[in-house]
Amino acid sequence: MATTNAVMTVAQIRAAEERTMHAVAEDALMDRAAAAVAAEVRLLVAGSDGPRVAVLAGSGNNGGDALLAGALLAREGAEVTAVALGSSVHLRGRTLLEAAGGRILPPGIEADAAVADADAVVDGIVGIGSRPGLRDDAAALVARIVAPVVAVDLPSGLDADSAAADLAHVRADVTVTFTAPKRCLVDVPARAAAGRVVLADVGIELG
């Protein structure tokens, strides 16, 4: 396992992930990512009895990481509501979240209320391979956030390989990024949206 403080591009990260997954199951990597995200949410809601956590889950692996983090928190007594913001959600993440007592909603009035009333929000809308900006439904939901936000790998809407921040994006209080910093987390103006950046080792081999 390894991390580096040097900025890596999406292409470099993808290549390292591909090499690693010849020997390590993707589920194991995602579980480690989820544990790192859940740990930061715990810090934000420390002292709360049955905290309300909203998970914004897109259809990719970032959404899966967010759902798995939500499952961990739900097992510990958090009231976890996930909002599905893609054409589908990660199946294993959904299964484990629901088994832990969490719920998954489509966008709508009930989801809006869950986000607005949350004590903490997990941003797993999109990941490092996505185009910058947010779809209208995601941007509208993000606008309802008043609680602290933990972003998975990067604040959704930013371009991992760019310092630009001119399109709709999440503003995180904490960003849990994996393996290496991305340019959007270290260069202005984008880095202002990342909050405190936590570099988590999920087991990607770099060399």
N, C-alpha and C. Protein backbone atom coordinates (compact mmCIF):
# COMPACT_ATOMS: atom_id res chain seq x y z
N MET A 1 0.84 -1.18 0.00
CA MET A 1 0.00 0.00 0.00
C MET A 1 0.88 1.25 0.00
N ALA A 2 0.35 2.31 -0.64
CA ALA A 2 1.19 3.50 -0.70
C ALA A 2 0.35 4.71 -1.03
N THR A 3 0.86 5.85 -0.63
CA THR A 3 0.32 7.13 -1.08
C THR A 3 1.50 7.99 -1.48
N THR A 4 1.21 9.07 -2.16
CA THR A 4 2.24 10.03 -2.51
C THR A 4 1.65 11.42 -2.36
N ASN A 5 2.47 12.36 -1.97
CA ASN A 5 2.04 13.75 -1.88
C ASN A 5 2.16 14.48 -3.21
N ALA A 6 2.73 13.79 -4.21
CA ALA A 6 2.84 14.38 -5.54
C ALA A 6 1.51 14.30 -6.27
N VAL A 7 1.15 15.36 -6.97
CA VAL A 7 -0.09 15.36 -7.75
C VAL A 7 -0.01 14.31 -8.85
N MET A 8 -1.08 13.54 -8.99
CA MET A 8 -1.17 12.56 -10.08
C MET A 8 -2.37 12.90 -10.94
N THR A 9 -2.25 12.61 -12.23
CA THR A 9 -3.34 12.84 -13.16
C THR A 9 -4.33 11.67 -13.10
N VAL A 10 -5.50 11.89 -13.68
CA VAL A 10 -6.49 10.81 -13.75
C VAL A 10 -5.91 9.61 -14.48
N ALA A 11 -5.20 9.85 -15.57
CA ALA A 11 -4.62 8.73 -16.33
C ALA A 11 -3.63 7.94 -15.48
N GLN A 12 -2.82 8.63 -14.70
CA GLN A 12 -1.86 7.94 -13.84
C GLN A 12 -2.55 7.13 -12.75
N ILE A 13 -3.59 7.70 -12.16
CA ILE A 13 -4.34 6.99 -11.13
C ILE A 13 -5.02 5.76 -11.72
N ARG A 14 -5.63 5.91 -12.87
CA ARG A 14 -6.31 4.78 -13.51
C ARG A 14 -5.34 3.65 -13.82
N ALA A 15 -4.16 4.00 -14.29
CA ALA A 15 -3.16 2.97 -14.60
C ALA A 15 -2.73 2.23 -13.34
N ALA A 16 -2.53 2.97 -12.25
CA ALA A 16 -2.14 2.35 -10.98
C ALA A 16 -3.26 1.45 -10.46
N GLU A 17 -4.50 1.90 -10.58
CA GLU A 17 -5.64 1.08 -10.14
C GLU A 17 -5.72 -0.21 -10.94
N GLU A 18 -5.52 -0.11 -12.24
CA GLU A 18 -5.59 -1.31 -13.09
C GLU A 18 -4.52 -2.32 -12.71
N ARG A 19 -3.30 -1.84 -12.46
CA ARG A 19 -2.23 -2.75 -12.03
C ARG A 19 -2.59 -3.42 -10.71
N THR A 20 -3.09 -2.62 -9.78
CA THR A 20 -3.38 -3.13 -8.44
C THR A 20 -4.48 -4.19 -8.48
N MET A 21 -5.49 -3.99 -9.32
CA MET A 21 -6.64 -4.90 -9.33
C MET A 21 -6.35 -6.26 -9.95
N HIS A 22 -5.11 -6.44 -10.45
CA HIS A 22 -4.70 -7.79 -10.83
C HIS A 22 -4.49 -8.65 -9.59
N ALA A 23 -4.22 -8.00 -8.46
CA ALA A 23 -3.93 -8.74 -7.23
C ALA A 23 -4.91 -8.47 -6.09
N VAL A 24 -5.62 -7.35 -6.16
CA VAL A 24 -6.50 -6.95 -5.06
C VAL A 24 -7.91 -6.76 -5.61
N ALA A 25 -8.89 -7.33 -4.93
CA ALA A 25 -10.28 -7.21 -5.37
C ALA A 25 -10.77 -5.77 -5.27
N GLU A 26 -11.56 -5.36 -6.25
CA GLU A 26 -12.11 -4.01 -6.23
C GLU A 26 -12.94 -3.77 -4.97
N ASP A 27 -13.67 -4.78 -4.51
CA ASP A 27 -14.48 -4.62 -3.30
C ASP A 27 -13.61 -4.24 -2.11
N ALA A 28 -12.42 -4.83 -2.02
CA ALA A 28 -11.53 -4.52 -0.90
C ALA A 28 -11.08 -3.07 -0.96
N LEU A 29 -10.77 -2.58 -2.16
CA LEU A 29 -10.35 -1.19 -2.31
C LEU A 29 -11.48 -0.24 -1.93
N MET A 30 -12.69 -0.58 -2.36
CA MET A 30 -13.84 0.27 -2.06
C MET A 30 -14.16 0.26 -0.57
N ASP A 31 -14.02 -0.88 0.07
CA ASP A 31 -14.27 -0.94 1.52
C ASP A 31 -13.30 -0.05 2.28
N ARG A 32 -12.04 -0.02 1.85
CA ARG A 32 -11.06 0.85 2.51
C ARG A 32 -11.41 2.32 2.28
N ALA A 33 -11.82 2.64 1.06
CA ALA A 33 -12.23 4.02 0.77
C ALA A 33 -13.42 4.41 1.63
N ALA A 34 -14.40 3.53 1.73
CA ALA A 34 -15.59 3.81 2.52
C ALA A 34 -15.25 4.02 3.99
N ALA A 35 -14.34 3.21 4.50
CA ALA A 35 -13.95 3.35 5.91
C ALA A 35 -13.30 4.70 6.16
N ALA A 36 -12.49 5.17 5.22
CA ALA A 36 -11.83 6.47 5.38
C ALA A 36 -12.86 7.61 5.35
N VAL A 37 -13.85 7.50 4.47
CA VAL A 37 -14.90 8.52 4.39
C VAL A 37 -15.74 8.51 5.66
N ALA A 38 -16.14 7.32 6.11
CA ALA A 38 -16.97 7.22 7.31
C ALA A 38 -16.25 7.80 8.52
N ALA A 39 -14.95 7.60 8.60
CA ALA A 39 -14.19 8.13 9.74
C ALA A 39 -14.28 9.64 9.82
N GLU A 40 -14.25 10.31 8.67
CA GLU A 40 -14.34 11.78 8.68
C GLU A 40 -15.76 12.25 9.01
N VAL A 41 -16.77 11.51 8.56
CA VAL A 41 -18.14 11.88 8.92
C VAL A 41 -18.32 11.74 10.43
N ARG A 42 -17.77 10.68 11.02
CA ARG A 42 -17.88 10.50 12.47
C ARG A 42 -17.34 11.71 13.22
N LEU A 43 -16.23 12.26 12.75
CA LEU A 43 -15.66 13.43 13.41
C LEU A 43 -16.61 14.62 13.34
N LEU A 44 -17.28 14.77 12.21
CA LEU A 44 -18.18 15.92 12.03
C LEU A 44 -19.43 15.82 12.91
N VAL A 45 -19.88 14.59 13.17
CA VAL A 45 -21.14 14.43 13.93
C VAL A 45 -20.88 13.92 15.34
N ALA A 46 -19.63 13.97 15.78
CA ALA A 46 -19.30 13.49 17.13
C ALA A 46 -20.16 14.17 18.17
N GLY A 47 -20.71 13.38 19.07
CA GLY A 47 -21.56 13.92 20.13
C GLY A 47 -23.03 13.92 19.77
N SER A 48 -23.36 13.70 18.50
CA SER A 48 -24.77 13.64 18.10
C SER A 48 -25.32 12.25 18.37
N ASP A 49 -26.56 12.20 18.84
CA ASP A 49 -27.23 10.94 19.10
C ASP A 49 -28.11 10.61 17.90
N GLY A 50 -27.74 9.56 17.16
CA GLY A 50 -28.49 9.23 15.96
C GLY A 50 -28.42 10.30 14.90
N PRO A 51 -27.21 10.71 14.49
CA PRO A 51 -27.08 11.79 13.51
C PRO A 51 -27.74 11.44 12.18
N ARG A 52 -28.23 12.47 11.51
CA ARG A 52 -28.85 12.29 10.20
C ARG A 52 -27.77 12.55 9.13
N VAL A 53 -27.54 11.55 8.32
CA VAL A 53 -26.51 11.64 7.28
C VAL A 53 -27.18 11.46 5.92
N ALA A 54 -26.95 12.40 5.02
CA ALA A 54 -27.44 12.30 3.65
C ALA A 54 -26.28 11.91 2.74
N VAL A 55 -26.51 10.93 1.90
CA VAL A 55 -25.51 10.45 0.95
C VAL A 55 -25.98 10.77 -0.46
N LEU A 56 -25.20 11.53 -1.20
CA LEU A 56 -25.52 11.84 -2.59
C LEU A 56 -24.73 10.88 -3.46
N ALA A 57 -25.45 9.94 -4.09
CA ALA A 57 -24.78 8.82 -4.76
C ALA A 57 -25.06 8.81 -6.25
N GLY A 58 -24.00 8.99 -7.03
CA GLY A 58 -24.11 8.81 -8.46
C GLY A 58 -23.99 7.34 -8.81
N SER A 59 -23.92 7.06 -10.10
CA SER A 59 -23.95 5.67 -10.54
C SER A 59 -22.58 5.00 -10.58
N GLY A 60 -21.51 5.75 -10.36
CA GLY A 60 -20.18 5.18 -10.45
C GLY A 60 -19.64 4.67 -9.13
N ASN A 61 -18.34 4.37 -9.13
CA ASN A 61 -17.72 3.83 -7.92
C ASN A 61 -17.64 4.85 -6.79
N ASN A 62 -17.57 6.15 -7.11
CA ASN A 62 -17.61 7.14 -6.03
C ASN A 62 -18.95 7.05 -5.29
N GLY A 63 -20.01 6.87 -6.05
CA GLY A 63 -21.31 6.66 -5.43
C GLY A 63 -21.32 5.40 -4.60
N GLY A 64 -20.66 4.35 -5.09
CA GLY A 64 -20.55 3.12 -4.32
C GLY A 64 -19.78 3.31 -3.03
N ASP A 65 -18.67 4.03 -3.09
CA ASP A 65 -17.91 4.33 -1.88
C ASP A 65 -18.78 5.07 -0.87
N ALA A 66 -19.56 6.03 -1.36
CA ALA A 66 -20.41 6.83 -0.49
C ALA A 66 -21.49 5.97 0.16
N LEU A 67 -22.10 5.07 -0.61
CA LEU A 67 -23.12 4.18 -0.06
C LEU A 67 -22.53 3.23 0.97
N LEU A 68 -21.34 2.72 0.70
CA LEU A 68 -20.69 1.81 1.65
C LEU A 68 -20.33 2.55 2.93
N ALA A 69 -19.90 3.80 2.81
CA ALA A 69 -19.65 4.61 4.01
C ALA A 69 -20.95 4.81 4.77
N GLY A 70 -22.03 5.06 4.04
CA GLY A 70 -23.32 5.21 4.68
C GLY A 70 -23.74 3.95 5.42
N ALA A 71 -23.45 2.80 4.85
CA ALA A 71 -23.78 1.53 5.52
C ALA A 71 -23.02 1.39 6.83
N LEU A 72 -21.75 1.76 6.84
CA LEU A 72 -20.97 1.70 8.08
C LEU A 72 -21.58 2.60 9.15
N LEU A 73 -21.97 3.80 8.75
CA LEU A 73 -22.53 4.76 9.70
C LEU A 73 -23.91 4.31 10.19
N ALA A 74 -24.70 3.73 9.30
CA ALA A 74 -26.03 3.26 9.69
C ALA A 74 -25.92 2.14 10.72
N ARG A 75 -24.92 1.28 10.57
CA ARG A 75 -24.74 0.19 11.54
C ARG A 75 -24.42 0.73 12.93
N GLU A 76 -23.87 1.94 12.95
CA GLU A 76 -23.49 2.55 14.23
C GLU A 76 -24.59 3.42 14.81
N GLY A 77 -25.74 3.46 14.15
CA GLY A 77 -26.87 4.20 14.70
C GLY A 77 -27.24 5.48 13.99
N ALA A 78 -26.51 5.84 12.94
CA ALA A 78 -26.88 7.03 12.18
C ALA A 78 -28.14 6.77 11.36
N GLU A 79 -28.91 7.81 11.15
CA GLU A 79 -30.07 7.74 10.26
C GLU A 79 -29.59 8.17 8.88
N VAL A 80 -29.42 7.21 7.99
CA VAL A 80 -28.78 7.46 6.70
C VAL A 80 -29.80 7.41 5.57
N THR A 81 -29.85 8.49 4.81
CA THR A 81 -30.69 8.57 3.62
C THR A 81 -29.81 8.86 2.42
N ALA A 82 -29.87 7.99 1.44
CA ALA A 82 -29.11 8.20 0.20
C ALA A 82 -30.05 8.68 -0.88
N VAL A 83 -29.55 9.57 -1.72
CA VAL A 83 -30.31 10.05 -2.87
C VAL A 83 -29.60 9.54 -4.12
N ALA A 84 -30.33 8.81 -4.95
CA ALA A 84 -29.78 8.24 -6.17
C ALA A 84 -29.77 9.30 -7.26
N LEU A 85 -28.58 9.72 -7.68
CA LEU A 85 -28.45 10.81 -8.65
C LEU A 85 -27.86 10.32 -9.97
N GLY A 86 -28.05 9.06 -10.28
CA GLY A 86 -27.60 8.52 -11.56
C GLY A 86 -28.67 7.61 -12.11
N SER A 87 -28.37 7.00 -13.25
CA SER A 87 -29.31 6.07 -13.85
C SER A 87 -29.46 4.80 -13.03
N SER A 88 -28.48 4.53 -12.17
CA SER A 88 -28.51 3.38 -11.28
C SER A 88 -27.61 3.72 -10.10
N VAL A 89 -27.57 2.83 -9.10
CA VAL A 89 -26.61 2.98 -8.01
C VAL A 89 -25.84 1.69 -7.87
N HIS A 90 -24.69 1.79 -7.22
CA HIS A 90 -23.81 0.64 -7.02
C HIS A 90 -24.57 -0.44 -6.24
N LEU A 91 -24.68 -1.63 -6.83
CA LEU A 91 -25.54 -2.67 -6.28
C LEU A 91 -25.10 -3.12 -4.89
N ARG A 92 -23.82 -3.38 -4.73
CA ARG A 92 -23.34 -3.84 -3.41
C ARG A 92 -23.52 -2.75 -2.37
N GLY A 93 -23.22 -1.51 -2.74
CA GLY A 93 -23.41 -0.40 -1.82
C GLY A 93 -24.85 -0.26 -1.41
N ARG A 94 -25.75 -0.37 -2.37
CA ARG A 94 -27.19 -0.27 -2.06
C ARG A 94 -27.61 -1.40 -1.13
N THR A 95 -27.19 -2.62 -1.44
CA THR A 95 -27.59 -3.78 -0.64
C THR A 95 -27.13 -3.65 0.80
N LEU A 96 -25.89 -3.25 1.00
CA LEU A 96 -25.36 -3.14 2.35
C LEU A 96 -25.98 -1.97 3.11
N LEU A 97 -26.24 -0.87 2.42
CA LEU A 97 -26.87 0.27 3.09
C LEU A 97 -28.27 -0.10 3.56
N GLU A 98 -29.04 -0.71 2.70
CA GLU A 98 -30.40 -1.08 3.08
C GLU A 98 -30.41 -2.14 4.17
N ALA A 99 -29.46 -3.08 4.11
CA ALA A 99 -29.37 -4.10 5.16
C ALA A 99 -29.04 -3.49 6.51
N ALA A 100 -28.32 -2.35 6.50
CA ALA A 100 -27.94 -1.68 7.74
C ALA A 100 -29.04 -0.74 8.25
N GLY A 101 -30.14 -0.63 7.51
CA GLY A 101 -31.24 0.22 7.95
C GLY A 101 -31.33 1.55 7.25
N GLY A 102 -30.43 1.81 6.30
CA GLY A 102 -30.51 3.05 5.54
C GLY A 102 -31.55 2.96 4.45
N ARG A 103 -31.86 4.08 3.85
CA ARG A 103 -32.85 4.10 2.76
C ARG A 103 -32.29 4.85 1.58
N ILE A 104 -32.83 4.54 0.40
CA ILE A 104 -32.40 5.20 -0.83
C ILE A 104 -33.62 5.79 -1.50
N LEU A 105 -33.53 7.07 -1.84
CA LEU A 105 -34.64 7.80 -2.45
C LEU A 105 -34.24 8.32 -3.82
N PRO A 106 -35.20 8.49 -4.71
CA PRO A 106 -34.94 9.23 -5.94
C PRO A 106 -34.98 10.72 -5.63
N PRO A 107 -34.47 11.56 -6.53
CA PRO A 107 -34.62 13.00 -6.32
C PRO A 107 -36.09 13.38 -6.21
N GLY A 108 -36.38 14.34 -5.37
CA GLY A 108 -37.76 14.76 -5.17
C GLY A 108 -37.92 15.46 -3.85
N ILE A 109 -39.16 15.71 -3.46
CA ILE A 109 -39.44 16.49 -2.26
C ILE A 109 -38.87 15.82 -1.01
N GLU A 110 -39.05 14.50 -0.89
CA GLU A 110 -38.57 13.81 0.30
C GLU A 110 -37.04 13.84 0.36
N ALA A 111 -36.39 13.65 -0.79
CA ALA A 111 -34.93 13.72 -0.83
C ALA A 111 -34.44 15.12 -0.50
N ASP A 112 -35.11 16.13 -1.03
CA ASP A 112 -34.74 17.52 -0.72
C ASP A 112 -34.76 17.77 0.79
N ALA A 113 -35.81 17.27 1.45
CA ALA A 113 -35.94 17.48 2.88
C ALA A 113 -34.84 16.75 3.64
N ALA A 114 -34.51 15.54 3.21
CA ALA A 114 -33.46 14.77 3.88
C ALA A 114 -32.12 15.47 3.80
N VAL A 115 -31.82 16.07 2.66
CA VAL A 115 -30.56 16.79 2.50
C VAL A 115 -30.57 18.07 3.33
N ALA A 116 -31.66 18.80 3.28
CA ALA A 116 -31.73 20.07 4.02
C ALA A 116 -31.66 19.86 5.52
N ASP A 117 -32.15 18.71 6.02
CA ASP A 117 -32.20 18.45 7.46
C ASP A 117 -31.01 17.65 7.98
N ALA A 118 -30.08 17.29 7.11
CA ALA A 118 -28.96 16.42 7.49
C ALA A 118 -27.99 17.11 8.44
N ASP A 119 -27.35 16.31 9.28
CA ASP A 119 -26.27 16.79 10.14
C ASP A 119 -24.92 16.71 9.42
N ALA A 120 -24.84 15.87 8.39
CA ALA A 120 -23.65 15.76 7.56
C ALA A 120 -24.07 15.18 6.22
N VAL A 121 -23.32 15.55 5.18
CA VAL A 121 -23.61 15.09 3.82
C VAL A 121 -22.36 14.45 3.25
N VAL A 122 -22.54 13.31 2.59
CA VAL A 122 -21.45 12.65 1.87
C VAL A 122 -21.67 12.88 0.38
N ASP A 123 -20.69 13.48 -0.27
CA ASP A 123 -20.77 13.77 -1.70
C ASP A 123 -20.09 12.66 -2.49
N GLY A 124 -20.91 11.81 -3.12
CA GLY A 124 -20.40 10.78 -4.01
C GLY A 124 -21.10 10.85 -5.36
N ILE A 125 -21.35 12.06 -5.84
CA ILE A 125 -22.13 12.22 -7.07
C ILE A 125 -21.34 11.74 -8.28
N VAL A 126 -20.14 12.24 -8.44
CA VAL A 126 -19.29 11.81 -9.56
C VAL A 126 -17.85 11.71 -9.08
N GLY A 127 -17.02 11.08 -9.92
CA GLY A 127 -15.63 10.84 -9.54
C GLY A 127 -14.64 11.54 -10.44
N ILE A 128 -13.42 11.04 -10.43
CA ILE A 128 -12.33 11.74 -11.11
C ILE A 128 -12.42 11.66 -12.63
N GLY A 129 -13.19 10.73 -13.15
CA GLY A 129 -13.28 10.60 -14.60
C GLY A 129 -14.42 11.38 -15.22
N SER A 130 -15.14 12.15 -14.42
CA SER A 130 -16.34 12.82 -14.93
C SER A 130 -15.99 14.16 -15.58
N ARG A 131 -16.92 14.63 -16.41
CA ARG A 131 -16.79 15.98 -16.97
C ARG A 131 -17.08 17.00 -15.87
N PRO A 132 -16.50 18.19 -15.94
CA PRO A 132 -16.78 19.21 -14.92
C PRO A 132 -18.22 19.68 -14.98
N GLY A 133 -18.70 20.18 -13.84
CA GLY A 133 -20.06 20.65 -13.74
C GLY A 133 -20.97 19.59 -13.17
N LEU A 134 -22.19 19.99 -12.84
CA LEU A 134 -23.21 19.09 -12.30
C LEU A 134 -24.46 19.17 -13.15
N ARG A 135 -25.16 18.05 -13.25
CA ARG A 135 -26.47 18.08 -13.89
C ARG A 135 -27.43 18.93 -13.06
N ASP A 136 -28.50 19.38 -13.69
CA ASP A 136 -29.40 20.31 -13.01
C ASP A 136 -30.00 19.71 -11.74
N ASP A 137 -30.38 18.43 -11.77
CA ASP A 137 -30.99 17.83 -10.58
C ASP A 137 -29.99 17.75 -9.43
N ALA A 138 -28.74 17.42 -9.75
CA ALA A 138 -27.72 17.36 -8.71
C ALA A 138 -27.40 18.75 -8.18
N ALA A 139 -27.29 19.74 -9.07
CA ALA A 139 -26.98 21.10 -8.65
C ALA A 139 -28.09 21.65 -7.74
N ALA A 140 -29.34 21.33 -8.06
CA ALA A 140 -30.45 21.81 -7.24
C ALA A 140 -30.41 21.19 -5.85
N LEU A 141 -30.05 19.91 -5.79
CA LEU A 141 -29.97 19.24 -4.49
C LEU A 141 -28.79 19.78 -3.68
N VAL A 142 -27.67 19.98 -4.32
CA VAL A 142 -26.49 20.52 -3.65
C VAL A 142 -26.79 21.89 -3.05
N ALA A 143 -27.61 22.67 -3.74
CA ALA A 143 -27.95 24.01 -3.26
C ALA A 143 -28.73 23.97 -1.95
N ARG A 144 -29.30 22.83 -1.59
CA ARG A 144 -30.07 22.70 -0.35
C ARG A 144 -29.21 22.32 0.85
N ILE A 145 -27.95 22.04 0.62
CA ILE A 145 -27.08 21.59 1.71
C ILE A 145 -26.77 22.74 2.66
N VAL A 146 -26.96 22.48 3.94
CA VAL A 146 -26.54 23.43 4.97
C VAL A 146 -25.55 22.79 5.94
N ALA A 147 -25.47 21.47 5.94
CA ALA A 147 -24.60 20.72 6.85
C ALA A 147 -23.18 20.62 6.29
N PRO A 148 -22.22 20.24 7.12
CA PRO A 148 -20.86 19.99 6.62
C PRO A 148 -20.86 18.86 5.60
N VAL A 149 -19.97 18.96 4.63
CA VAL A 149 -19.90 18.00 3.53
C VAL A 149 -18.55 17.28 3.54
N VAL A 150 -18.60 15.95 3.40
CA VAL A 150 -17.40 15.15 3.16
C VAL A 150 -17.47 14.67 1.72
N ALA A 151 -16.51 15.07 0.91
CA ALA A 151 -16.48 14.67 -0.50
C ALA A 151 -15.63 13.42 -0.67
N VAL A 152 -16.09 12.55 -1.55
CA VAL A 152 -15.38 11.31 -1.86
C VAL A 152 -14.43 11.56 -3.03
N ASP A 153 -13.15 11.58 -2.77
CA ASP A 153 -12.05 11.74 -3.74
C ASP A 153 -11.89 13.16 -4.24
N LEU A 154 -12.98 13.84 -4.60
CA LEU A 154 -12.93 15.25 -4.99
C LEU A 154 -14.34 15.80 -4.91
N PRO A 155 -14.48 17.11 -4.71
CA PRO A 155 -15.83 17.70 -4.74
C PRO A 155 -16.43 17.52 -6.13
N SER A 156 -17.62 16.94 -6.19
CA SER A 156 -18.26 16.68 -7.48
C SER A 156 -18.45 17.98 -8.25
N GLY A 157 -18.19 17.89 -9.54
CA GLY A 157 -18.30 19.06 -10.41
C GLY A 157 -16.98 19.66 -10.80
N LEU A 158 -15.93 19.37 -10.01
CA LEU A 158 -14.59 19.83 -10.38
C LEU A 158 -13.97 18.86 -11.37
N ASP A 159 -13.03 19.37 -12.15
CA ASP A 159 -12.22 18.55 -13.06
C ASP A 159 -10.95 18.17 -12.31
N ALA A 160 -10.74 16.87 -12.11
CA ALA A 160 -9.60 16.43 -11.31
C ALA A 160 -8.27 16.98 -11.82
N ASP A 161 -8.14 17.13 -13.12
CA ASP A 161 -6.86 17.55 -13.71
C ASP A 161 -6.77 19.05 -13.96
N SER A 162 -7.66 19.83 -13.38
CA SER A 162 -7.71 21.27 -13.66
C SER A 162 -7.89 22.06 -12.37
N ALA A 163 -7.44 23.28 -12.38
CA ALA A 163 -7.66 24.19 -11.26
C ALA A 163 -8.92 25.03 -11.44
N ALA A 164 -9.64 24.83 -12.54
CA ALA A 164 -10.82 25.63 -12.82
C ALA A 164 -11.97 25.28 -11.87
N ALA A 165 -12.79 26.27 -11.57
CA ALA A 165 -13.94 26.05 -10.70
C ALA A 165 -15.10 26.94 -11.14
N ASP A 166 -15.28 27.06 -12.45
CA ASP A 166 -16.27 28.00 -12.97
C ASP A 166 -17.61 27.38 -13.28
N LEU A 167 -17.75 26.05 -13.15
CA LEU A 167 -19.02 25.39 -13.35
C LEU A 167 -19.57 24.93 -12.01
N ALA A 168 -20.85 24.54 -12.00
CA ALA A 168 -21.49 24.11 -10.75
C ALA A 168 -20.70 22.97 -10.11
N HIS A 169 -20.47 23.08 -8.79
CA HIS A 169 -19.71 22.05 -8.09
C HIS A 169 -20.06 22.07 -6.61
N VAL A 170 -19.69 21.01 -5.93
CA VAL A 170 -19.87 20.90 -4.49
C VAL A 170 -18.77 21.68 -3.79
N ARG A 171 -19.10 22.31 -2.69
CA ARG A 171 -18.10 22.91 -1.80
C ARG A 171 -18.04 22.05 -0.55
N ALA A 172 -16.93 21.39 -0.37
CA ALA A 172 -16.77 20.43 0.73
C ALA A 172 -16.07 21.07 1.93
N ASP A 173 -16.37 20.55 3.10
CA ASP A 173 -15.63 20.91 4.31
C ASP A 173 -14.42 20.01 4.46
N VAL A 174 -14.57 18.75 4.03
CA VAL A 174 -13.49 17.77 4.04
C VAL A 174 -13.56 16.99 2.74
N THR A 175 -12.40 16.79 2.11
CA THR A 175 -12.31 15.91 0.95
C THR A 175 -11.38 14.75 1.30
N VAL A 176 -11.92 13.54 1.23
CA VAL A 176 -11.10 12.35 1.44
C VAL A 176 -10.68 11.87 0.06
N THR A 177 -9.42 12.10 -0.28
CA THR A 177 -8.92 11.70 -1.59
C THR A 177 -8.03 10.48 -1.43
N PHE A 178 -7.93 9.70 -2.47
CA PHE A 178 -7.28 8.40 -2.37
C PHE A 178 -5.97 8.37 -3.17
N THR A 179 -4.95 7.82 -2.54
CA THR A 179 -3.67 7.50 -3.19
C THR A 179 -2.78 8.71 -3.42
N ALA A 180 -3.32 9.76 -4.04
CA ALA A 180 -2.50 10.94 -4.36
C ALA A 180 -3.40 12.15 -4.52
N PRO A 181 -2.86 13.35 -4.27
CA PRO A 181 -3.64 14.57 -4.54
C PRO A 181 -3.92 14.71 -6.04
N LYS A 182 -5.03 15.34 -6.36
CA LYS A 182 -5.35 15.69 -7.74
C LYS A 182 -5.19 17.20 -7.88
N ARG A 183 -4.97 17.66 -9.09
CA ARG A 183 -4.66 19.07 -9.29
C ARG A 183 -5.74 19.98 -8.71
N CYS A 184 -7.01 19.57 -8.84
CA CYS A 184 -8.10 20.43 -8.36
C CYS A 184 -8.07 20.61 -6.85
N LEU A 185 -7.35 19.75 -6.14
CA LEU A 185 -7.29 19.84 -4.68
C LEU A 185 -6.13 20.68 -4.17
N VAL A 186 -5.23 21.05 -5.07
CA VAL A 186 -4.04 21.78 -4.62
C VAL A 186 -3.87 23.13 -5.30
N ASP A 187 -4.49 23.36 -6.43
CA ASP A 187 -4.30 24.60 -7.18
C ASP A 187 -5.54 25.49 -7.09
N VAL A 188 -5.30 26.79 -6.98
CA VAL A 188 -6.41 27.74 -6.94
C VAL A 188 -6.92 27.99 -8.36
N PRO A 189 -8.23 28.31 -8.50
CA PRO A 189 -9.21 28.50 -7.43
C PRO A 189 -9.92 27.23 -6.95
N ALA A 190 -9.73 26.11 -7.65
CA ALA A 190 -10.51 24.91 -7.32
C ALA A 190 -10.30 24.43 -5.90
N ARG A 191 -9.08 24.58 -5.39
CA ARG A 191 -8.79 24.01 -4.08
C ARG A 191 -9.64 24.63 -2.97
N ALA A 192 -10.20 25.81 -3.21
CA ALA A 192 -11.06 26.44 -2.20
C ALA A 192 -12.32 25.63 -1.95
N ALA A 193 -12.71 24.78 -2.91
CA ALA A 193 -13.91 23.97 -2.76
C ALA A 193 -13.65 22.66 -2.03
N ALA A 194 -12.38 22.36 -1.76
CA ALA A 194 -12.05 21.04 -1.20
C ALA A 194 -12.07 21.00 0.31
N GLY A 195 -11.97 22.15 0.98
CA GLY A 195 -11.88 22.15 2.43
C GLY A 195 -10.60 21.49 2.91
N ARG A 196 -10.69 20.79 4.02
CA ARG A 196 -9.52 20.06 4.53
C ARG A 196 -9.37 18.78 3.73
N VAL A 197 -8.18 18.55 3.18
CA VAL A 197 -7.94 17.39 2.34
C VAL A 197 -7.25 16.30 3.14
N VAL A 198 -7.87 15.12 3.14
CA VAL A 198 -7.33 13.94 3.82
C VAL A 198 -6.87 12.97 2.75
N LEU A 199 -5.61 12.58 2.78
CA LEU A 199 -5.06 11.63 1.82
C LEU A 199 -5.12 10.23 2.42
N ALA A 200 -5.95 9.37 1.84
CA ALA A 200 -6.19 8.04 2.39
C ALA A 200 -5.51 6.98 1.53
N ASP A 201 -4.89 6.02 2.20
CA ASP A 201 -4.25 4.89 1.56
C ASP A 201 -5.27 3.76 1.45
N VAL A 202 -5.70 3.45 0.23
CA VAL A 202 -6.67 2.36 0.05
C VAL A 202 -6.03 1.10 -0.52
N GLY A 203 -4.73 1.16 -0.76
CA GLY A 203 -4.03 -0.03 -1.21
C GLY A 203 -3.62 -0.03 -2.68
N ILE A 204 -3.62 1.13 -3.31
CA ILE A 204 -3.18 1.21 -4.72
C ILE A 204 -1.66 1.22 -4.76
N GLU A 205 -1.10 0.29 -5.51
CA GLU A 205 0.35 0.21 -5.64
C GLU A 205 0.83 1.20 -6.68
N LEU A 206 1.79 2.02 -6.29
CA LEU A 206 2.26 3.08 -7.17
C LEU A 206 3.51 2.72 -7.95
N GLY A 207 4.22 1.72 -7.52
CA GLY A 207 5.46 1.41 -8.19
C GLY A 207 5.52 -0.01 -8.69
